Amino acid sequence: MSQNTRLAQPDANEIPAEISELVAAIHCLPSEVQARIEPSLAKVVESTKRRRRILTLVQDALSQLRVDMKYLVFDLEATRRERDEFRRQLNEANGQ
């Protein structure tokens, strides 16, 4: 019975439904079988959670990169407009 409390039901938001179903199915097995399977199951659940966290971090980083790129493109376009305006003013001043 202590094996069941050691591996609590994982948060459904952190792992796929298939793994949650697997956890529930393993909890229905006899305790001797559970004792042999649960260490491997715990590793699978933990690695799945870790992958989910890593994926979230990568998605956040990509979102931030997209925003940063938009700011850089905006800044580059503004710099080009300023350069073109200064060139025009310089040409007008040299032409007079």
PDB file of N, CA and C in Angstrom:
ATOM      1  N   MET A   1       0.810  -1.198   0.000  1.00  0.00           N
ATOM      2  CA  MET A   1       0.000   0.000   0.000  1.00  0.00           C
ATOM      3  C   MET A   1       0.853   1.262   0.000  1.00  0.00           C
ATOM      4  N   SER A   2       2.011   1.225   0.639  1.00  0.00           N
ATOM      5  CA  SER A   2       2.852   2.412   0.644  1.00  0.00           C
ATOM      6  C   SER A   2       3.363   2.728  -0.752  1.00  0.00           C
ATOM      7  N   GLN A   3       3.407   1.728  -1.630  1.00  0.00           N
ATOM      8  CA  GLN A   3       3.827   1.957  -3.008  1.00  0.00           C
ATOM      9  C   GLN A   3       2.838   2.876  -3.715  1.00  0.00           C
ATOM     10  N   ASN A   4       1.551   2.723  -3.450  1.00  0.00           N
ATOM     11  CA  ASN A   4       0.547   3.560  -4.098  1.00  0.00           C
ATOM     12  C   ASN A   4       0.685   5.018  -3.690  1.00  0.00           C
ATOM     13  N   THR A   5       1.037   5.267  -2.449  1.00  0.00           N
ATOM     14  CA  THR A   5       1.161   6.653  -2.014  1.00  0.00           C
ATOM     15  C   THR A   5       2.472   7.263  -2.481  1.00  0.00           C
ATOM     16  N   ARG A   6       3.483   6.410  -2.706  1.00  0.00           N
ATOM     17  CA  ARG A   6       4.768   6.935  -3.157  1.00  0.00           C
ATOM     18  C   ARG A   6       4.646   7.549  -4.546  1.00  0.00           C
ATOM     19  N   LEU A   7       3.914   6.909  -5.433  1.00  0.00           N
ATOM     20  CA  LEU A   7       3.721   7.422  -6.782  1.00  0.00           C
ATOM     21  C   LEU A   7       2.295   7.936  -6.884  1.00  0.00           C
ATOM     22  N   ALA A   8       2.115   9.167  -6.502  1.00  0.00           N
ATOM     23  CA  ALA A   8       0.791   9.776  -6.534  1.00  0.00           C
ATOM     24  C   ALA A   8       0.369  10.002  -7.974  1.00  0.00           C
ATOM     25  N   GLN A   9      -0.922  10.214  -8.145  1.00  0.00           N
ATOM     26  CA  GLN A   9      -1.437  10.499  -9.473  1.00  0.00           C
ATOM     27  C   GLN A   9      -0.795  11.779  -9.978  1.00  0.00           C
ATOM     28  N   PRO A  10      -0.148  11.736 -11.128  1.00  0.00           N
ATOM     29  CA  PRO A  10       0.473  12.943 -11.670  1.00  0.00           C
ATOM     30  C   PRO A  10      -0.576  13.941 -12.142  1.00  0.00           C
ATOM     31  N   ASP A  11      -0.193  15.189 -12.169  1.00  0.00           N
ATOM     32  CA  ASP A  11      -1.071  16.248 -12.647  1.00  0.00           C
ATOM     33  C   ASP A  11      -1.371  16.014 -14.122  1.00  0.00           C
ATOM     34  N   ALA A  12      -2.643  16.018 -14.471  1.00  0.00           N
ATOM     35  CA  ALA A  12      -3.052  15.726 -15.851  1.00  0.00           C
ATOM     36  C   ALA A  12      -2.508  16.753 -16.837  1.00  0.00           C
ATOM     37  N   ASN A  13      -2.240  17.964 -16.374  1.00  0.00           N
ATOM     38  CA  ASN A  13      -1.701  18.990 -17.265  1.00  0.00           C
ATOM     39  C   ASN A  13      -0.230  18.773 -17.584  1.00  0.00           C
ATOM     40  N   GLU A  14       0.460  18.006 -16.748  1.00  0.00           N
ATOM     41  CA  GLU A  14       1.892  17.825 -16.928  1.00  0.00           C
ATOM     42  C   GLU A  14       2.247  16.635 -17.805  1.00  0.00           C
ATOM     43  N   ILE A  15       1.381  15.642 -17.880  1.00  0.00           N
ATOM     44  CA  ILE A  15       1.704  14.452 -18.669  1.00  0.00           C
ATOM     45  C   ILE A  15       0.553  14.132 -19.611  1.00  0.00           C
ATOM     46  N   PRO A  16       0.842  13.421 -20.695  1.00  0.00           N
ATOM     47  CA  PRO A  16      -0.209  13.052 -21.643  1.00  0.00           C
ATOM     48  C   PRO A  16      -1.246  12.119 -21.012  1.00  0.00           C
ATOM     49  N   ALA A  17      -2.426  12.114 -21.587  1.00  0.00           N
ATOM     50  CA  ALA A  17      -3.517  11.282 -21.077  1.00  0.00           C
ATOM     51  C   ALA A  17      -3.157   9.802 -21.101  1.00  0.00           C
ATOM     52  N   GLU A  18      -2.387   9.379 -22.101  1.00  0.00           N
ATOM     53  CA  GLU A  18      -2.024   7.966 -22.202  1.00  0.00           C
ATOM     54  C   GLU A  18      -1.202   7.520 -21.000  1.00  0.00           C
ATOM     55  N   ILE A  19      -0.310   8.374 -20.542  1.00  0.00           N
ATOM     56  CA  ILE A  19       0.506   8.011 -19.380  1.00  0.00           C
ATOM     57  C   ILE A  19      -0.353   8.025 -18.122  1.00  0.00           C
ATOM     58  N   SER A  20      -1.278   8.959 -18.019  1.00  0.00           N
ATOM     59  CA  SER A  20      -2.200   8.965 -16.877  1.00  0.00           C
ATOM     60  C   SER A  20      -3.021   7.684 -16.846  1.00  0.00           C
ATOM     61  N   GLU A  21      -3.461   7.240 -18.019  1.00  0.00           N
ATOM     62  CA  GLU A  21      -4.205   5.981 -18.098  1.00  0.00           C
ATOM     63  C   GLU A  21      -3.322   4.804 -17.697  1.00  0.00           C
ATOM     64  N   LEU A  22      -2.068   4.831 -18.099  1.00  0.00           N
ATOM     65  CA  LEU A  22      -1.131   3.775 -17.727  1.00  0.00           C
ATOM     66  C   LEU A  22      -0.925   3.745 -16.217  1.00  0.00           C
ATOM     67  N   VAL A  23      -0.788   4.912 -15.602  1.00  0.00           N
ATOM     68  CA  VAL A  23      -0.638   4.983 -14.145  1.00  0.00           C
ATOM     69  C   VAL A  23      -1.862   4.380 -13.470  1.00  0.00           C
ATOM     70  N   ALA A  24      -3.046   4.747 -13.943  1.00  0.00           N
ATOM     71  CA  ALA A  24      -4.277   4.211 -13.354  1.00  0.00           C
ATOM     72  C   ALA A  24      -4.354   2.699 -13.531  1.00  0.00           C
ATOM     73  N   ALA A  25      -3.964   2.208 -14.701  1.00  0.00           N
ATOM     74  CA  ALA A  25      -4.007   0.760 -14.948  1.00  0.00           C
ATOM     75  C   ALA A  25      -3.017   0.025 -14.050  1.00  0.00           C
ATOM     76  N   ILE A  26      -1.845   0.590 -13.857  1.00  0.00           N
ATOM     77  CA  ILE A  26      -0.840  -0.051 -12.998  1.00  0.00           C
ATOM     78  C   ILE A  26      -1.310  -0.068 -11.549  1.00  0.00           C
ATOM     79  N   HIS A  27      -2.030   0.945 -11.131  1.00  0.00           N
ATOM     80  CA  HIS A  27      -2.538   0.979  -9.759  1.00  0.00           C
ATOM     81  C   HIS A  27      -3.613  -0.083  -9.536  1.00  0.00           C
ATOM     82  N   CYS A  28      -4.179  -0.629 -10.600  1.00  0.00           N
ATOM     83  CA  CYS A  28      -5.172  -1.699 -10.476  1.00  0.00           C
ATOM     84  C   CYS A  28      -4.521  -3.079 -10.396  1.00  0.00           C
ATOM     85  N   LEU A  29      -3.245  -3.167 -10.655  1.00  0.00           N
ATOM     86  CA  LEU A  29      -2.532  -4.447 -10.627  1.00  0.00           C
ATOM     87  C   LEU A  29      -2.257  -4.871  -9.185  1.00  0.00           C
ATOM     88  N   PRO A  30      -1.951  -6.152  -8.996  1.00  0.00           N
ATOM     89  CA  PRO A  30      -1.568  -6.613  -7.652  1.00  0.00           C
ATOM     90  C   PRO A  30      -0.336  -5.858  -7.155  1.00  0.00           C
ATOM     91  N   SER A  31      -0.224  -5.722  -5.846  1.00  0.00           N
ATOM     92  CA  SER A  31       0.839  -4.905  -5.261  1.00  0.00           C
ATOM     93  C   SER A  31       2.234  -5.425  -5.595  1.00  0.00           C
ATOM     94  N   GLU A  32       2.415  -6.752  -5.754  1.00  0.00           N
ATOM     95  CA  GLU A  32       3.738  -7.280  -6.114  1.00  0.00           C
ATOM     96  C   GLU A  32       4.147  -6.800  -7.501  1.00  0.00           C
ATOM     97  N   VAL A  33       3.204  -6.800  -8.417  1.00  0.00           N
ATOM     98  CA  VAL A  33       3.486  -6.352  -9.786  1.00  0.00           C
ATOM     99  C   VAL A  33       3.733  -4.845  -9.790  1.00  0.00           C
ATOM    100  N   GLN A  34       2.928  -4.121  -9.036  1.00  0.00           N
ATOM    101  CA  GLN A  34       3.110  -2.670  -8.935  1.00  0.00           C
ATOM    102  C   GLN A  34       4.503  -2.329  -8.433  1.00  0.00           C
ATOM    103  N   ALA A  35       4.956  -3.077  -7.433  1.00  0.00           N
ATOM    104  CA  ALA A  35       6.262  -2.809  -6.838  1.00  0.00           C
ATOM    105  C   ALA A  35       7.379  -2.962  -7.862  1.00  0.00           C
ATOM    106  N   ARG A  36       7.222  -3.889  -8.800  1.00  0.00           N
ATOM    107  CA  ARG A  36       8.252  -4.082  -9.822  1.00  0.00           C
ATOM    108  C   ARG A  36       8.157  -3.033 -10.925  1.00  0.00           C
ATOM    109  N   ILE A  37       6.964  -2.586 -11.222  1.00  0.00           N
ATOM    110  CA  ILE A  37       6.747  -1.675 -12.355  1.00  0.00           C
ATOM    111  C   ILE A  37       6.915  -0.208 -11.968  1.00  0.00           C
ATOM    112  N   GLU A  38       6.538   0.149 -10.757  1.00  0.00           N
ATOM    113  CA  GLU A  38       6.483   1.563 -10.379  1.00  0.00           C
ATOM    114  C   GLU A  38       7.811   2.312 -10.480  1.00  0.00           C
ATOM    115  N   PRO A  39       8.972   1.726 -10.187  1.00  0.00           N
ATOM    116  CA  PRO A  39      10.206   2.507 -10.381  1.00  0.00           C
ATOM    117  C   PRO A  39      10.402   2.950 -11.834  1.00  0.00           C
ATOM    118  N   SER A  40      10.126   2.045 -12.760  1.00  0.00           N
ATOM    119  CA  SER A  40      10.240   2.419 -14.175  1.00  0.00           C
ATOM    120  C   SER A  40       9.179   3.432 -14.558  1.00  0.00           C
ATOM    121  N   LEU A  41       7.985   3.247 -14.041  1.00  0.00           N
ATOM    122  CA  LEU A  41       6.903   4.184 -14.325  1.00  0.00           C
ATOM    123  C   LEU A  41       7.238   5.572 -13.785  1.00  0.00           C
ATOM    124  N   ALA A  42       7.815   5.622 -12.600  1.00  0.00           N
ATOM    125  CA  ALA A  42       8.192   6.916 -12.021  1.00  0.00           C
ATOM    126  C   ALA A  42       9.217   7.619 -12.903  1.00  0.00           C
ATOM    127  N   LYS A  43      10.157   6.859 -13.458  1.00  0.00           N
ATOM    128  CA  LYS A  43      11.153   7.447 -14.360  1.00  0.00           C
ATOM    129  C   LYS A  43      10.494   7.991 -15.624  1.00  0.00           C
ATOM    130  N   VAL A  44       9.543   7.232 -16.161  1.00  0.00           N
ATOM    131  CA  VAL A  44       8.839   7.668 -17.371  1.00  0.00           C
ATOM    132  C   VAL A  44       8.049   8.945 -17.093  1.00  0.00           C
ATOM    133  N   VAL A  45       7.341   8.973 -15.978  1.00  0.00           N
ATOM    134  CA  VAL A  45       6.545  10.153 -15.627  1.00  0.00           C
ATOM    135  C   VAL A  45       7.455  11.360 -15.433  1.00  0.00           C
ATOM    136  N   GLU A  46       8.564  11.169 -14.724  1.00  0.00           N
ATOM    137  CA  GLU A  46       9.483  12.286 -14.476  1.00  0.00           C
ATOM    138  C   GLU A  46      10.118  12.787 -15.771  1.00  0.00           C
ATOM    139  N   SER A  47      10.527  11.871 -16.641  1.00  0.00           N
ATOM    140  CA  SER A  47      11.137  12.313 -17.903  1.00  0.00           C
ATOM    141  C   SER A  47      10.108  13.016 -18.787  1.00  0.00           C
ATOM    142  N   THR A  48       8.862  12.579 -18.724  1.00  0.00           N
ATOM    143  CA  THR A  48       7.807  13.244 -19.487  1.00  0.00           C
ATOM    144  C   THR A  48       7.577  14.658 -18.960  1.00  0.00           C
ATOM    145  N   LYS A  49       7.557  14.802 -17.648  1.00  0.00           N
ATOM    146  CA  LYS A  49       7.401  16.138 -17.059  1.00  0.00           C
ATOM    147  C   LYS A  49       8.578  17.031 -17.435  1.00  0.00           C
ATOM    148  N   ARG A  50       9.780  16.457 -17.382  1.00  0.00           N
ATOM    149  CA  ARG A  50      10.978  17.233 -17.723  1.00  0.00           C
ATOM    150  C   ARG A  50      10.923  17.681 -19.179  1.00  0.00           C
ATOM    151  N   ARG A  51      10.530  16.765 -20.073  1.00  0.00           N
ATOM    152  CA  ARG A  51      10.414  17.136 -21.491  1.00  0.00           C
ATOM    153  C   ARG A  51       9.378  18.229 -21.688  1.00  0.00           C
ATOM    154  N   ARG A  52       8.278  18.144 -20.961  1.00  0.00           N
ATOM    155  CA  ARG A  52       7.228  19.162 -21.067  1.00  0.00           C
ATOM    156  C   ARG A  52       7.760  20.520 -20.611  1.00  0.00           C
ATOM    157  N   ARG A  53       8.516  20.531 -19.496  1.00  0.00           N
ATOM    158  CA  ARG A  53       9.101  21.796 -19.017  1.00  0.00           C
ATOM    159  C   ARG A  53      10.088  22.359 -20.029  1.00  0.00           C
ATOM    160  N   ILE A  54      10.915  21.489 -20.599  1.00  0.00           N
ATOM    161  CA  ILE A  54      11.892  21.939 -21.597  1.00  0.00           C
ATOM    162  C   ILE A  54      11.177  22.495 -22.820  1.00  0.00           C
ATOM    163  N   LEU A  55      10.139  21.808 -23.267  1.00  0.00           N
ATOM    164  CA  LEU A  55       9.378  22.278 -24.422  1.00  0.00           C
ATOM    165  C   LEU A  55       8.767  23.646 -24.145  1.00  0.00           C
ATOM    166  N   THR A  56       8.237  23.825 -22.948  1.00  0.00           N
ATOM    167  CA  THR A  56       7.663  25.119 -22.580  1.00  0.00           C
ATOM    168  C   THR A  56       8.729  26.212 -22.589  1.00  0.00           C
ATOM    169  N   LEU A  57       9.907  25.897 -22.048  1.00  0.00           N
ATOM    170  CA  LEU A  57      11.001  26.873 -22.061  1.00  0.00           C
ATOM    171  C   LEU A  57      11.414  27.231 -23.484  1.00  0.00           C
ATOM    172  N   VAL A  58      11.491  26.237 -24.349  1.00  0.00           N
ATOM    173  CA  VAL A  58      11.871  26.490 -25.744  1.00  0.00           C
ATOM    174  C   VAL A  58      10.805  27.336 -26.439  1.00  0.00           C
ATOM    175  N   GLN A  59       9.536  27.018 -26.198  1.00  0.00           N
ATOM    176  CA  GLN A  59       8.463  27.800 -26.809  1.00  0.00           C
ATOM    177  C   GLN A  59       8.496  29.247 -26.324  1.00  0.00           C
ATOM    178  N   ASP A  60       8.737  29.437 -25.030  1.00  0.00           N
ATOM    179  CA  ASP A  60       8.837  30.803 -24.495  1.00  0.00           C
ATOM    180  C   ASP A  60      10.019  31.546 -25.108  1.00  0.00           C
ATOM    181  N   ALA A  61      11.142  30.848 -25.234  1.00  0.00           N
ATOM    182  CA  ALA A  61      12.326  31.480 -25.826  1.00  0.00           C
ATOM    183  C   ALA A  61      12.070  31.860 -27.279  1.00  0.00           C
ATOM    184  N   LEU A  62      11.391  30.997 -28.021  1.00  0.00           N
ATOM    185  CA  LEU A  62      11.071  31.312 -29.415  1.00  0.00           C
ATOM    186  C   LEU A  62      10.121  32.500 -29.512  1.00  0.00           C
ATOM    187  N   SER A  63       9.152  32.550 -28.621  1.00  0.00           N
ATOM    188  CA  SER A  63       8.232  33.690 -28.616  1.00  0.00           C
ATOM    189  C   SER A  63       8.986  34.984 -28.345  1.00  0.00           C
ATOM    190  N   GLN A  64       9.886  34.953 -27.384  1.00  0.00           N
ATOM    191  CA  GLN A  64      10.679  36.144 -27.075  1.00  0.00           C
ATOM    192  C   GLN A  64      11.575  36.511 -28.249  1.00  0.00           C
ATOM    193  N   LEU A  65      12.143  35.512 -28.907  1.00  0.00           N
ATOM    194  CA  LEU A  65      12.989  35.768 -30.074  1.00  0.00           C
ATOM    195  C   LEU A  65      12.192  36.433 -31.189  1.00  0.00           C
ATOM    196  N   ARG A  66      10.955  35.987 -31.398  1.00  0.00           N
ATOM    197  CA  ARG A  66      10.113  36.605 -32.423  1.00  0.00           C
ATOM    198  C   ARG A  66       9.864  38.079 -32.106  1.00  0.00           C
ATOM    199  N   VAL A  67       9.563  38.369 -30.849  1.00  0.00           N
ATOM    200  CA  VAL A  67       9.335  39.759 -30.445  1.00  0.00           C
ATOM    201  C   VAL A  67      10.611  40.573 -30.642  1.00  0.00           C
ATOM    202  N   ASP A  68      11.737  40.016 -30.199  1.00  0.00           N
ATOM    203  CA  ASP A  68      13.013  40.722 -30.362  1.00  0.00           C
ATOM    204  C   ASP A  68      13.320  40.986 -31.831  1.00  0.00           C
ATOM    205  N   MET A  69      13.039  40.015 -32.689  1.00  0.00           N
ATOM    206  CA  MET A  69      13.283  40.191 -34.124  1.00  0.00           C
ATOM    207  C   MET A  69      12.407  41.303 -34.694  1.00  0.00           C
ATOM    208  N   LYS A  70      11.158  41.375 -34.251  1.00  0.00           N
ATOM    209  CA  LYS A  70      10.279  42.442 -34.735  1.00  0.00           C
ATOM    210  C   LYS A  70      10.816  43.813 -34.332  1.00  0.00           C
ATOM    211  N   TYR A  71      11.296  43.922 -33.096  1.00  0.00           N
ATOM    212  CA  TYR A  71      11.884  45.189 -32.658  1.00  0.00           C
ATOM    213  C   TYR A  71      13.134  45.518 -33.462  1.00  0.00           C
ATOM    214  N   LEU A  72      13.965  44.522 -33.724  1.00  0.00           N
ATOM    215  CA  LEU A  72      15.187  44.766 -34.495  1.00  0.00           C
ATOM    216  C   LEU A  72      14.874  45.198 -35.924  1.00  0.00           C
ATOM    217  N   VAL A  73      13.896  44.554 -36.547  1.00  0.00           N
ATOM    218  CA  VAL A  73      13.511  44.929 -37.910  1.00  0.00           C
ATOM    219  C   VAL A  73      12.954  46.353 -37.914  1.00  0.00           C
ATOM    220  N   PHE A  74      12.120  46.673 -36.929  1.00  0.00           N
ATOM    221  CA  PHE A  74      11.584  48.027 -36.832  1.00  0.00           C
ATOM    222  C   PHE A  74      12.716  49.040 -36.678  1.00  0.00           C
ATOM    223  N   ASP A  75      13.669  48.739 -35.798  1.00  0.00           N
ATOM    224  CA  ASP A  75      14.801  49.638 -35.572  1.00  0.00           C
ATOM    225  C   ASP A  75      15.649  49.783 -36.829  1.00  0.00           C
ATOM    226  N   LEU A  76      15.872  48.693 -37.539  1.00  0.00           N
ATOM    227  CA  LEU A  76      16.650  48.739 -38.774  1.00  0.00           C
ATOM    228  C   LEU A  76      15.955  49.605 -39.819  1.00  0.00           C
ATOM    229  N   GLU A  77      14.646  49.437 -39.961  1.00  0.00           N
ATOM    230  CA  GLU A  77      13.905  50.244 -40.928  1.00  0.00           C
ATOM    231  C   GLU A  77      13.953  51.723 -40.554  1.00  0.00           C
ATOM    232  N   ALA A  78      13.816  52.026 -39.270  1.00  0.00           N
ATOM    233  CA  ALA A  78      13.885  53.422 -38.825  1.00  0.00           C
ATOM    234  C   ALA A  78      15.274  53.993 -39.083  1.00  0.00           C
ATOM    235  N   THR A  79      16.303  53.204 -38.820  1.00  0.00           N
ATOM    236  CA  THR A  79      17.678  53.659 -39.066  1.00  0.00           C
ATOM    237  C   THR A  79      17.902  53.922 -40.549  1.00  0.00           C
ATOM    238  N   ARG A  80      17.379  53.070 -41.400  1.00  0.00           N
ATOM    239  CA  ARG A  80      17.522  53.276 -42.852  1.00  0.00           C
ATOM    240  C   ARG A  80      16.799  54.542 -43.297  1.00  0.00           C
ATOM    241  N   ARG A  81      15.601  54.766 -42.753  1.00  0.00           N
ATOM    242  CA  ARG A  81      14.868  55.987 -43.101  1.00  0.00           C
ATOM    243  C   ARG A  81      15.649  57.222 -42.667  1.00  0.00           C
ATOM    244  N   GLU A  82      16.209  57.163 -41.458  1.00  0.00           N
ATOM    245  CA  GLU A  82      17.010  58.296 -40.977  1.00  0.00           C
ATOM    246  C   GLU A  82      18.235  58.507 -41.862  1.00  0.00           C
ATOM    247  N   ARG A  83      18.896  57.429 -42.242  1.00  0.00           N
ATOM    248  CA  ARG A  83      20.079  57.534 -43.109  1.00  0.00           C
ATOM    249  C   ARG A  83      19.703  58.170 -44.439  1.00  0.00           C
ATOM    250  N   ASP A  84      18.613  57.691 -45.026  1.00  0.00           N
ATOM    251  CA  ASP A  84      18.182  58.231 -46.313  1.00  0.00           C
ATOM    252  C   ASP A  84      17.828  59.711 -46.195  1.00  0.00           C
ATOM    253  N   GLU A  85      17.191  60.091 -45.102  1.00  0.00           N
ATOM    254  CA  GLU A  85      16.838  61.496 -44.892  1.00  0.00           C
ATOM    255  C   GLU A  85      18.098  62.348 -44.729  1.00  0.00           C
ATOM    256  N   PHE A  86      19.068  61.872 -43.967  1.00  0.00           N
ATOM    257  CA  PHE A  86      20.325  62.622 -43.805  1.00  0.00           C
ATOM    258  C   PHE A  86      21.075  62.735 -45.127  1.00  0.00           C
ATOM    259  N   ARG A  87      21.065  61.675 -45.930  1.00  0.00           N
ATOM    260  CA  ARG A  87      21.718  61.732 -47.248  1.00  0.00           C
ATOM    261  C   ARG A  87      21.044  62.778 -48.127  1.00  0.00           C
ATOM    262  N   ARG A  88      19.712  62.781 -48.098  1.00  0.00           N
ATOM    263  CA  ARG A  88      18.970  63.750 -48.894  1.00  0.00           C
ATOM    264  C   ARG A  88      19.319  65.170 -48.454  1.00  0.00           C
ATOM    265  N   GLN A  89      19.345  65.382 -47.137  1.00  0.00           N
ATOM    266  CA  GLN A  89      19.688  66.714 -46.625  1.00  0.00           C
ATOM    267  C   GLN A  89      21.123  67.095 -46.993  1.00  0.00           C
ATOM    268  N   LEU A  90      22.039  66.143 -46.928  1.00  0.00           N
ATOM    269  CA  LEU A  90      23.437  66.400 -47.274  1.00  0.00           C
ATOM    270  C   LEU A  90      23.563  66.748 -48.755  1.00  0.00           C
ATOM    271  N   ASN A  91      22.857  66.006 -49.594  1.00  0.00           N
ATOM    272  CA  ASN A  91      22.894  66.279 -51.032  1.00  0.00           C
ATOM    273  C   ASN A  91      22.308  67.652 -51.342  1.00  0.00           C
ATOM    274  N   GLU A  92      21.229  68.012 -50.644  1.00  0.00           N
ATOM    275  CA  GLU A  92      20.640  69.335 -50.846  1.00  0.00           C
ATOM    276  C   GLU A  92      21.607  70.431 -50.403  1.00  0.00           C
ATOM    277  N   ALA A  93      22.285  70.207 -49.280  1.00  0.00           N
ATOM    278  CA  ALA A  93      23.229  71.215 -48.767  1.00  0.00           C
ATOM    279  C   ALA A  93      24.438  71.342 -49.688  1.00  0.00           C
ATOM    280  N   ASN A  94      24.916  70.252 -50.246  1.00  0.00           N
ATOM    281  CA  ASN A  94      26.060  70.288 -51.162  1.00  0.00           C
ATOM    282  C   ASN A  94      25.667  70.849 -52.520  1.00  0.00           C
ATOM    283  N   GLY A  95      24.442  70.667 -52.896  1.00  0.00           N
ATOM    284  CA  GLY A  95      23.973  71.149 -54.187  1.00  0.00           C
ATOM    285  C   GLY A  95      23.702  72.638 -54.187  1.00  0.00           C
ATOM    286  N   GLN A  96      23.538  73.261 -53.069  1.00  0.00           N
ATOM    287  CA  GLN A  96      23.213  74.695 -53.015  1.00  0.00           C
ATOM    288  C   GLN A  96      24.404  75.560 -53.026  1.00  0.00           C
TER     289      GLN A  96
END
